[in-house]
Amino acid sequence: MLKQIIVVRNDLKLGKGKLAAQAAHAAISAAEISKFKKQWLAEGQKKVVVKCESLNMLLEIYERTKRASIATSLIQDAGMTEIPPGTITCIGIGPDEEEKIDMITKNLKLL
């Protein structure tokens, strides 16, 4: 089974609308570069949104997914509303094999 994970920085304290928009950017961006996109779409697009507590933690997860050859997208905000331009807000991971992603993200709490 395939799934996608969105990891959001909890330390930014984004508003609900901003957070939803950033998560959507991450989901679309990662899916577009995944070799599993068509299969994932056919399976129902399973996705889970989790949180991390800092930029450093987010970047560590990002690097681990890249090393594991999982499609991953790093999202930076344009800075038009709540946060400064270029702020890294979240990452989209996958879709990829659930077990492969879980090896990296299993300890993260749901948003």
N, C-alpha and C. Protein backbone atom coordinates (compact mmCIF):
# COMPACT_ATOMS: atom_id res chain seq x y z
N MET A 1 0.84 -1.18 0.00
CA MET A 1 0.00 0.00 0.00
C MET A 1 0.88 1.24 0.00
N LEU A 2 0.43 2.25 -0.72
CA LEU A 2 1.16 3.51 -0.82
C LEU A 2 0.53 4.57 0.07
N LYS A 3 1.35 5.51 0.52
CA LYS A 3 0.81 6.65 1.24
C LYS A 3 1.72 7.85 1.08
N GLN A 4 1.19 8.97 1.48
CA GLN A 4 1.93 10.22 1.47
C GLN A 4 1.88 10.80 2.89
N ILE A 5 2.98 11.43 3.29
CA ILE A 5 3.04 12.09 4.60
C ILE A 5 3.37 13.56 4.36
N ILE A 6 2.66 14.42 5.06
CA ILE A 6 2.97 15.84 5.07
C ILE A 6 3.48 16.15 6.48
N VAL A 7 4.68 16.71 6.57
CA VAL A 7 5.26 17.08 7.86
C VAL A 7 5.25 18.59 7.95
N VAL A 8 4.55 19.12 8.96
CA VAL A 8 4.37 20.55 9.15
C VAL A 8 5.14 21.01 10.38
N ARG A 9 5.78 22.16 10.27
CA ARG A 9 6.47 22.75 11.42
C ARG A 9 5.45 23.30 12.41
N ASN A 10 5.42 22.73 13.60
CA ASN A 10 4.50 23.16 14.64
C ASN A 10 4.96 24.44 15.33
N ASP A 11 6.24 24.73 15.28
CA ASP A 11 6.79 25.91 15.97
C ASP A 11 6.37 27.22 15.31
N LEU A 12 5.90 27.18 14.08
CA LEU A 12 5.50 28.41 13.39
C LEU A 12 4.14 28.93 13.84
N LYS A 13 3.33 28.07 14.42
CA LYS A 13 1.99 28.45 14.90
C LYS A 13 1.18 29.14 13.78
N LEU A 14 1.14 28.49 12.63
CA LEU A 14 0.41 29.02 11.49
C LEU A 14 -1.09 28.99 11.74
N GLY A 15 -1.81 29.95 11.16
CA GLY A 15 -3.26 29.91 11.19
C GLY A 15 -3.77 28.70 10.42
N LYS A 16 -5.00 28.30 10.68
CA LYS A 16 -5.55 27.09 10.05
C LYS A 16 -5.57 27.17 8.53
N GLY A 17 -5.95 28.31 7.99
CA GLY A 17 -6.00 28.47 6.54
C GLY A 17 -4.61 28.42 5.92
N LYS A 18 -3.66 29.10 6.52
CA LYS A 18 -2.27 29.11 6.03
C LYS A 18 -1.69 27.70 6.09
N LEU A 19 -1.94 27.01 7.21
CA LEU A 19 -1.43 25.65 7.37
C LEU A 19 -2.02 24.73 6.31
N ALA A 20 -3.32 24.86 6.06
CA ALA A 20 -3.96 24.02 5.04
C ALA A 20 -3.38 24.29 3.66
N ALA A 21 -3.13 25.56 3.35
CA ALA A 21 -2.56 25.90 2.04
C ALA A 21 -1.15 25.35 1.90
N GLN A 22 -0.34 25.45 2.95
CA GLN A 22 1.02 24.95 2.89
C GLN A 22 1.03 23.42 2.74
N ALA A 23 0.15 22.74 3.48
CA ALA A 23 0.04 21.28 3.37
C ALA A 23 -0.39 20.88 1.96
N ALA A 24 -1.29 21.64 1.37
CA ALA A 24 -1.74 21.35 0.00
C ALA A 24 -0.59 21.52 -0.99
N HIS A 25 0.19 22.58 -0.82
CA HIS A 25 1.38 22.77 -1.68
C HIS A 25 2.29 21.55 -1.58
N ALA A 26 2.54 21.09 -0.36
CA ALA A 26 3.44 19.96 -0.14
C ALA A 26 2.89 18.68 -0.77
N ALA A 27 1.60 18.44 -0.59
CA ALA A 27 0.99 17.22 -1.13
C ALA A 27 1.08 17.18 -2.66
N ILE A 28 0.72 18.28 -3.29
CA ILE A 28 0.75 18.32 -4.75
C ILE A 28 2.18 18.24 -5.29
N SER A 29 3.07 19.02 -4.69
CA SER A 29 4.46 19.06 -5.17
C SER A 29 5.14 17.70 -5.08
N ALA A 30 4.95 17.02 -3.96
CA ALA A 30 5.58 15.70 -3.80
C ALA A 30 4.95 14.66 -4.73
N ALA A 31 3.63 14.69 -4.83
CA ALA A 31 2.95 13.72 -5.70
C ALA A 31 3.38 13.87 -7.15
N GLU A 32 3.58 15.09 -7.59
CA GLU A 32 3.95 15.34 -8.99
C GLU A 32 5.29 14.71 -9.35
N ILE A 33 6.19 14.55 -8.39
CA ILE A 33 7.52 13.99 -8.70
C ILE A 33 7.66 12.53 -8.30
N SER A 34 6.61 11.95 -7.73
CA SER A 34 6.67 10.55 -7.30
C SER A 34 6.45 9.59 -8.47
N LYS A 35 7.26 8.56 -8.53
CA LYS A 35 7.08 7.53 -9.56
C LYS A 35 5.83 6.68 -9.29
N PHE A 36 5.26 6.82 -8.10
CA PHE A 36 4.07 6.06 -7.72
C PHE A 36 2.78 6.85 -7.87
N LYS A 37 2.83 8.01 -8.50
CA LYS A 37 1.68 8.91 -8.56
C LYS A 37 0.41 8.22 -9.09
N LYS A 38 0.49 7.57 -10.23
CA LYS A 38 -0.70 6.97 -10.84
C LYS A 38 -1.28 5.87 -9.95
N GLN A 39 -0.41 5.02 -9.43
CA GLN A 39 -0.88 3.93 -8.56
C GLN A 39 -1.53 4.48 -7.29
N TRP A 40 -0.91 5.51 -6.70
CA TRP A 40 -1.43 6.14 -5.49
C TRP A 40 -2.80 6.77 -5.74
N LEU A 41 -2.94 7.44 -6.87
CA LEU A 41 -4.24 8.03 -7.22
C LEU A 41 -5.30 6.94 -7.34
N ALA A 42 -4.96 5.82 -7.94
CA ALA A 42 -5.90 4.72 -8.11
C ALA A 42 -6.25 4.06 -6.78
N GLU A 43 -5.33 4.10 -5.82
CA GLU A 43 -5.55 3.47 -4.51
C GLU A 43 -6.33 4.36 -3.55
N GLY A 44 -6.61 5.60 -3.91
CA GLY A 44 -7.39 6.46 -3.04
C GLY A 44 -6.64 7.60 -2.39
N GLN A 45 -5.36 7.78 -2.73
CA GLN A 45 -4.57 8.93 -2.28
C GLN A 45 -4.40 9.01 -0.76
N LYS A 46 -4.05 7.91 -0.10
CA LYS A 46 -3.86 7.92 1.35
C LYS A 46 -2.77 8.94 1.71
N LYS A 47 -3.14 9.81 2.67
CA LYS A 47 -2.16 10.79 3.16
C LYS A 47 -2.41 11.05 4.63
N VAL A 48 -1.33 11.40 5.33
CA VAL A 48 -1.38 11.68 6.77
C VAL A 48 -0.59 12.95 7.01
N VAL A 49 -1.11 13.83 7.88
CA VAL A 49 -0.41 15.06 8.22
C VAL A 49 0.09 14.95 9.65
N VAL A 50 1.40 15.14 9.81
CA VAL A 50 2.04 15.05 11.11
C VAL A 50 2.80 16.34 11.38
N LYS A 51 3.33 16.47 12.59
CA LYS A 51 4.04 17.69 12.95
C LYS A 51 5.43 17.37 13.47
N CYS A 52 6.29 18.38 13.34
CA CYS A 52 7.60 18.35 13.98
C CYS A 52 7.78 19.68 14.69
N GLU A 53 8.76 19.77 15.57
CA GLU A 53 8.85 20.92 16.45
C GLU A 53 9.86 21.99 16.06
N SER A 54 10.60 21.78 14.96
CA SER A 54 11.59 22.80 14.60
C SER A 54 12.00 22.67 13.14
N LEU A 55 12.63 23.73 12.65
CA LEU A 55 13.19 23.71 11.30
C LEU A 55 14.26 22.65 11.19
N ASN A 56 15.13 22.55 12.19
CA ASN A 56 16.20 21.55 12.14
C ASN A 56 15.65 20.14 12.03
N MET A 57 14.59 19.85 12.78
CA MET A 57 13.98 18.52 12.72
C MET A 57 13.38 18.27 11.34
N LEU A 58 12.71 19.27 10.78
CA LEU A 58 12.12 19.14 9.45
C LEU A 58 13.20 18.87 8.41
N LEU A 59 14.30 19.61 8.48
CA LEU A 59 15.38 19.43 7.51
C LEU A 59 16.05 18.07 7.67
N GLU A 60 16.14 17.56 8.87
CA GLU A 60 16.70 16.23 9.09
C GLU A 60 15.81 15.16 8.45
N ILE A 61 14.51 15.29 8.62
CA ILE A 61 13.57 14.36 7.99
C ILE A 61 13.66 14.45 6.47
N TYR A 62 13.75 15.67 5.97
CA TYR A 62 13.88 15.90 4.53
C TYR A 62 15.11 15.19 3.98
N GLU A 63 16.25 15.34 4.64
CA GLU A 63 17.48 14.70 4.18
C GLU A 63 17.38 13.18 4.23
N ARG A 64 16.75 12.66 5.28
CA ARG A 64 16.59 11.20 5.39
C ARG A 64 15.73 10.65 4.26
N THR A 65 14.68 11.36 3.90
CA THR A 65 13.83 10.88 2.81
C THR A 65 14.56 10.95 1.47
N LYS A 66 15.35 11.99 1.28
CA LYS A 66 16.13 12.10 0.04
C LYS A 66 17.13 10.94 -0.06
N ARG A 67 17.80 10.63 1.04
CA ARG A 67 18.77 9.52 1.05
C ARG A 67 18.09 8.18 0.77
N ALA A 68 16.82 8.07 1.18
CA ALA A 68 16.06 6.83 0.97
C ALA A 68 15.41 6.79 -0.42
N SER A 69 15.70 7.78 -1.25
CA SER A 69 15.16 7.87 -2.60
C SER A 69 13.63 7.92 -2.63
N ILE A 70 13.06 8.65 -1.67
CA ILE A 70 11.62 8.87 -1.63
C ILE A 70 11.36 10.28 -2.18
N ALA A 71 10.39 10.41 -3.07
CA ALA A 71 10.03 11.73 -3.60
C ALA A 71 9.66 12.64 -2.45
N THR A 72 10.33 13.79 -2.38
CA THR A 72 10.12 14.71 -1.26
C THR A 72 10.17 16.14 -1.76
N SER A 73 9.25 16.95 -1.24
CA SER A 73 9.17 18.33 -1.66
C SER A 73 9.26 19.25 -0.44
N LEU A 74 10.17 20.20 -0.49
CA LEU A 74 10.37 21.19 0.57
C LEU A 74 9.60 22.45 0.20
N ILE A 75 8.75 22.92 1.10
CA ILE A 75 7.88 24.06 0.81
C ILE A 75 8.35 25.31 1.54
N GLN A 76 8.54 26.39 0.78
CA GLN A 76 8.91 27.69 1.33
C GLN A 76 7.79 28.67 1.02
N ASP A 77 7.40 29.46 2.00
CA ASP A 77 6.30 30.41 1.84
C ASP A 77 6.76 31.64 1.08
N ALA A 78 5.84 32.23 0.33
CA ALA A 78 6.13 33.45 -0.42
C ALA A 78 6.17 34.69 0.47
N GLY A 79 5.64 34.58 1.69
CA GLY A 79 5.72 35.68 2.64
C GLY A 79 4.71 36.78 2.44
N MET A 80 3.58 36.48 1.85
CA MET A 80 2.58 37.50 1.58
C MET A 80 1.64 37.76 2.76
N THR A 81 1.61 36.86 3.74
CA THR A 81 0.63 37.03 4.83
C THR A 81 1.26 36.91 6.22
N GLU A 82 1.38 35.72 6.74
CA GLU A 82 1.72 35.52 8.15
C GLU A 82 3.20 35.43 8.49
N ILE A 83 4.00 35.00 7.56
CA ILE A 83 5.41 34.71 7.87
C ILE A 83 6.33 35.34 6.82
N PRO A 84 7.61 35.52 7.16
CA PRO A 84 8.54 36.15 6.22
C PRO A 84 8.76 35.31 4.94
N PRO A 85 9.07 35.98 3.83
CA PRO A 85 9.36 35.26 2.58
C PRO A 85 10.49 34.25 2.77
N GLY A 86 10.32 33.08 2.16
CA GLY A 86 11.35 32.06 2.21
C GLY A 86 11.29 31.14 3.42
N THR A 87 10.35 31.39 4.33
CA THR A 87 10.22 30.53 5.51
C THR A 87 9.86 29.11 5.07
N ILE A 88 10.62 28.14 5.51
CA ILE A 88 10.33 26.73 5.22
C ILE A 88 9.22 26.29 6.17
N THR A 89 8.10 25.84 5.61
CA THR A 89 6.93 25.52 6.42
C THR A 89 6.66 24.04 6.60
N CYS A 90 6.94 23.24 5.55
CA CYS A 90 6.60 21.83 5.62
C CYS A 90 7.28 21.06 4.49
N ILE A 91 7.14 19.75 4.55
CA ILE A 91 7.60 18.90 3.46
C ILE A 91 6.50 17.90 3.10
N GLY A 92 6.48 17.54 1.83
CA GLY A 92 5.63 16.46 1.36
C GLY A 92 6.52 15.26 1.09
N ILE A 93 6.11 14.11 1.57
CA ILE A 93 6.90 12.87 1.41
C ILE A 93 6.03 11.85 0.67
N GLY A 94 6.51 11.40 -0.47
CA GLY A 94 5.78 10.39 -1.22
C GLY A 94 4.70 11.00 -2.09
N PRO A 95 3.89 10.13 -2.64
CA PRO A 95 3.59 8.77 -2.23
C PRO A 95 4.72 7.78 -2.54
N ASP A 96 4.81 6.83 -1.62
CA ASP A 96 5.77 5.74 -1.73
C ASP A 96 5.24 4.60 -0.88
N GLU A 97 6.00 3.52 -0.81
CA GLU A 97 5.59 2.37 -0.02
C GLU A 97 5.48 2.76 1.45
N GLU A 98 4.36 2.39 2.05
CA GLU A 98 4.06 2.76 3.43
C GLU A 98 5.18 2.38 4.39
N GLU A 99 5.69 1.17 4.26
CA GLU A 99 6.73 0.68 5.18
C GLU A 99 8.01 1.52 5.06
N LYS A 100 8.33 1.92 3.87
CA LYS A 100 9.53 2.72 3.61
C LYS A 100 9.42 4.10 4.27
N ILE A 101 8.26 4.73 4.11
CA ILE A 101 8.03 6.04 4.72
C ILE A 101 7.97 5.93 6.24
N ASP A 102 7.31 4.89 6.75
CA ASP A 102 7.16 4.72 8.19
C ASP A 102 8.50 4.58 8.90
N MET A 103 9.50 4.06 8.22
CA MET A 103 10.83 3.93 8.83
C MET A 103 11.38 5.30 9.22
N ILE A 104 10.95 6.34 8.53
CA ILE A 104 11.45 7.69 8.79
C ILE A 104 10.48 8.50 9.65
N THR A 105 9.18 8.30 9.49
CA THR A 105 8.20 9.19 10.11
C THR A 105 7.38 8.58 11.25
N LYS A 106 7.61 7.32 11.58
CA LYS A 106 6.74 6.63 12.54
C LYS A 106 6.66 7.27 13.92
N ASN A 107 7.67 8.03 14.33
CA ASN A 107 7.68 8.64 15.66
C ASN A 107 7.06 10.04 15.70
N LEU A 108 6.62 10.53 14.57
CA LEU A 108 6.01 11.87 14.53
C LEU A 108 4.54 11.78 14.92
N LYS A 109 4.06 12.78 15.64
CA LYS A 109 2.68 12.81 16.11
C LYS A 109 1.78 13.45 15.06
N LEU A 110 0.53 13.00 15.03
CA LEU A 110 -0.46 13.59 14.13
C LEU A 110 -0.64 15.06 14.46
N LEU A 111 -0.92 15.84 13.43
CA LEU A 111 -1.16 17.27 13.63
C LEU A 111 -2.48 17.47 14.35
